[in-house]
Amino acid sequence: FYNENQQRMALNYRAGFMQLADHASRTENDKPKARSIMAQMDETLPIDVIPVLDWRYMVYMMRLHESIDDTAKVNFYAARVETKCREILAANPTDGRSKSEAYQLLLEIYDAQKRYEPALELLQILLKEYPNDPEINRRINSYREILNSAGRDTNKPG
């Protein structure tokens, strides 16, 4: 068990590792170095031993791993974020911000993992809530095109 102060300190250390990795990737254009830095972070501060205090921070970790082409770690963090988003949606939050954030993050995860079927299903749910939103329709059509070009049926009732 780590108290809140210890978890915050670990979060600060993780932020430092992430800044170094981001610098290596963007400024030095050295993705292998960035992956090495992130691997050192995971070894030094394992998430299963010292949990991340705020689950949304894992989104930043996922994005950084995506930018350095570390698919295994993208999937690792995406699974945790997806679980949390689904918990939030299952709790049927009354504040629109939590619900909207959960939907946006799920779509981001599905895009990162090229999981277009669940993205399409999620957009169908959103379309029922926001039937006049042109962006939802645009994304639905975009995913349908991707899936149709891959030979998958997208004409399921929504």
Protein backbone atom coordinates (compact mmCIF):
# COMPACT_ATOMS: atom_id res chain seq x y z
CA PHE A 1 0.00 0.00 0.00
CA TYR A 2 1.28 3.42 -0.96
CA ASN A 3 -0.27 6.50 0.59
CA GLU A 4 -1.39 9.46 -1.50
CA ASN A 5 1.88 11.39 -1.02
CA GLN A 6 3.93 8.42 -2.21
CA GLN A 7 1.64 7.96 -5.20
CA ARG A 8 1.96 11.66 -6.07
CA MET A 9 5.74 11.43 -5.82
CA ALA A 10 5.69 8.43 -8.15
CA LEU A 11 3.50 10.43 -10.54
CA ASN A 12 6.09 13.22 -10.54
CA TYR A 13 8.87 10.73 -11.28
CA ARG A 14 6.80 9.25 -14.10
CA ALA A 15 6.30 12.75 -15.50
CA GLY A 16 10.07 13.23 -15.54
CA PHE A 17 10.63 9.98 -17.39
CA MET A 18 7.92 10.93 -19.85
CA GLN A 19 9.45 14.36 -20.48
CA LEU A 20 12.82 12.75 -21.18
CA ALA A 21 11.23 10.21 -23.52
CA ASP A 22 9.24 12.89 -25.30
CA HIS A 23 12.40 14.96 -25.75
CA ALA A 24 14.30 11.96 -27.11
CA SER A 25 11.50 11.23 -29.54
CA ARG A 26 10.67 14.71 -30.76
CA THR A 27 13.86 16.73 -30.42
CA GLU A 28 16.47 14.03 -30.97
CA ASN A 29 14.24 11.99 -33.29
CA ASP A 30 15.40 8.90 -31.39
CA LYS A 31 12.44 6.60 -30.79
CA PRO A 32 14.56 3.67 -29.60
CA LYS A 33 16.04 5.92 -26.89
CA ALA A 34 12.54 7.09 -25.95
CA ARG A 35 11.36 3.47 -25.70
CA SER A 36 14.36 2.69 -23.50
CA ILE A 37 13.54 5.58 -21.18
CA MET A 38 9.94 4.45 -20.89
CA ALA A 39 11.06 0.87 -20.23
CA GLN A 40 13.24 2.21 -17.42
CA MET A 41 10.19 4.05 -16.03
CA ASP A 42 8.15 0.85 -16.09
CA GLU A 43 10.96 -1.06 -14.38
CA THR A 44 11.55 1.61 -11.74
CA LEU A 45 7.89 2.44 -11.09
CA PRO A 46 5.78 -0.55 -12.13
CA ILE A 47 2.17 0.48 -12.49
CA ASP A 48 0.93 -2.75 -10.90
CA VAL A 49 3.04 -2.05 -7.81
CA ILE A 50 2.67 1.73 -7.55
CA PRO A 51 -0.69 2.58 -9.12
CA VAL A 52 -1.26 5.77 -11.03
CA LEU A 53 -3.17 8.14 -8.78
CA ASP A 54 -5.30 9.59 -11.58
CA TRP A 55 -6.33 7.07 -14.23
CA ARG A 56 -6.37 9.79 -16.92
CA TYR A 57 -2.59 10.03 -16.60
CA MET A 58 -2.44 6.61 -18.24
CA VAL A 59 -3.92 8.26 -21.32
CA TYR A 60 -0.78 10.39 -21.59
CA MET A 61 1.35 7.28 -21.19
CA MET A 62 -0.63 5.54 -23.90
CA ARG A 63 -0.24 8.53 -26.26
CA LEU A 64 3.48 8.73 -25.67
CA HIS A 65 3.91 5.02 -26.35
CA GLU A 66 1.85 5.45 -29.51
CA SER A 67 4.13 8.26 -30.68
CA ILE A 68 7.21 6.03 -30.21
CA ASP A 69 5.60 3.05 -31.94
CA ASP A 70 5.44 0.81 -28.87
CA THR A 71 2.27 -1.13 -29.68
CA ALA A 72 2.54 -3.51 -26.74
CA LYS A 73 2.57 -0.65 -24.24
CA VAL A 74 -0.18 1.20 -26.12
CA ASN A 75 -2.31 -1.91 -25.69
CA PHE A 76 -1.26 -2.27 -22.03
CA TYR A 77 -2.38 1.25 -21.10
CA ALA A 78 -5.34 1.25 -23.49
CA ALA A 79 -6.81 -1.80 -21.77
CA ARG A 80 -6.70 -0.05 -18.40
CA VAL A 81 -8.13 3.20 -19.74
CA GLU A 82 -10.85 1.34 -21.64
CA THR A 83 -11.87 -0.49 -18.46
CA LYS A 84 -12.10 2.77 -16.55
CA CYS A 85 -14.10 4.48 -19.31
CA ARG A 86 -16.55 1.59 -19.44
CA GLU A 87 -16.94 1.77 -15.64
CA ILE A 88 -17.72 5.47 -15.91
CA LEU A 89 -20.30 4.92 -18.65
CA ALA A 90 -21.86 2.00 -16.76
CA ALA A 91 -22.28 4.26 -13.73
CA ASN A 92 -24.29 6.59 -15.99
CA PRO A 93 -22.72 9.84 -14.80
CA THR A 94 -24.97 12.85 -14.61
CA ASP A 95 -22.18 15.27 -15.43
CA GLY A 96 -21.73 15.52 -19.16
CA ARG A 97 -17.99 16.07 -18.91
CA SER A 98 -17.18 12.62 -17.50
CA LYS A 99 -19.42 10.91 -20.02
CA SER A 100 -18.06 12.92 -22.94
CA GLU A 101 -14.47 12.33 -21.86
CA ALA A 102 -15.09 8.58 -21.57
CA TYR A 103 -16.58 8.44 -25.07
CA GLN A 104 -13.73 10.49 -26.54
CA LEU A 105 -11.06 8.36 -24.90
CA LEU A 106 -12.72 5.13 -26.02
CA LEU A 107 -12.76 6.40 -29.60
CA GLU A 108 -9.11 7.40 -29.29
CA ILE A 109 -8.22 3.93 -28.03
CA TYR A 110 -10.15 2.22 -30.82
CA ASP A 111 -8.44 4.44 -33.39
CA ALA A 112 -4.99 3.75 -31.94
CA GLN A 113 -5.65 0.02 -32.03
CA LYS A 114 -7.48 0.12 -35.37
CA ARG A 115 -10.52 -1.48 -33.71
CA TYR A 116 -13.12 0.06 -35.97
CA GLU A 117 -16.05 -2.23 -35.16
CA PRO A 118 -16.32 -1.17 -31.50
CA ALA A 119 -15.73 2.43 -32.56
CA LEU A 120 -18.63 2.16 -34.96
CA GLU A 121 -20.84 0.62 -32.25
CA LEU A 122 -19.93 3.44 -29.86
CA LEU A 123 -20.72 6.06 -32.48
CA GLN A 124 -24.11 4.44 -33.08
CA ILE A 125 -24.86 4.90 -29.37
CA LEU A 126 -23.74 8.52 -29.57
CA LEU A 127 -25.85 9.09 -32.67
CA LYS A 128 -28.96 8.15 -30.68
CA GLU A 129 -28.04 10.74 -28.05
CA TYR A 130 -26.98 13.41 -30.55
CA PRO A 131 -28.86 12.68 -33.80
CA ASN A 132 -28.01 15.99 -35.47
CA ASP A 133 -24.27 15.97 -34.84
CA PRO A 134 -22.53 16.03 -38.25
CA GLU A 135 -19.18 14.92 -36.78
CA ILE A 136 -20.68 11.68 -35.50
CA ASN A 137 -22.15 10.95 -38.93
CA ARG A 138 -18.85 11.82 -40.60
CA ARG A 139 -16.94 9.42 -38.36
CA ILE A 140 -19.52 6.67 -38.85
CA ASN A 141 -19.14 7.01 -42.61
CA SER A 142 -15.36 7.06 -42.31
CA TYR A 143 -15.29 3.84 -40.25
CA ARG A 144 -17.75 2.19 -42.62
CA GLU A 145 -15.49 3.03 -45.55
CA ILE A 146 -12.48 1.56 -43.76
CA LEU A 147 -14.35 -1.60 -42.85
CA ASN A 148 -15.95 -1.96 -46.28
CA SER A 149 -12.55 -1.62 -47.96
CA ALA A 150 -11.37 -4.44 -45.68
CA GLY A 151 -14.35 -6.53 -46.79
CA ARG A 152 -16.27 -6.34 -43.51
CA ASP A 153 -20.03 -5.86 -43.31
CA THR A 154 -21.01 -2.50 -41.84
CA ASN A 155 -24.69 -2.55 -42.67
CA LYS A 156 -25.75 -3.80 -39.26
CA PRO A 157 -28.68 -1.85 -37.87
CA GLY A 158 -27.50 0.92 -35.59
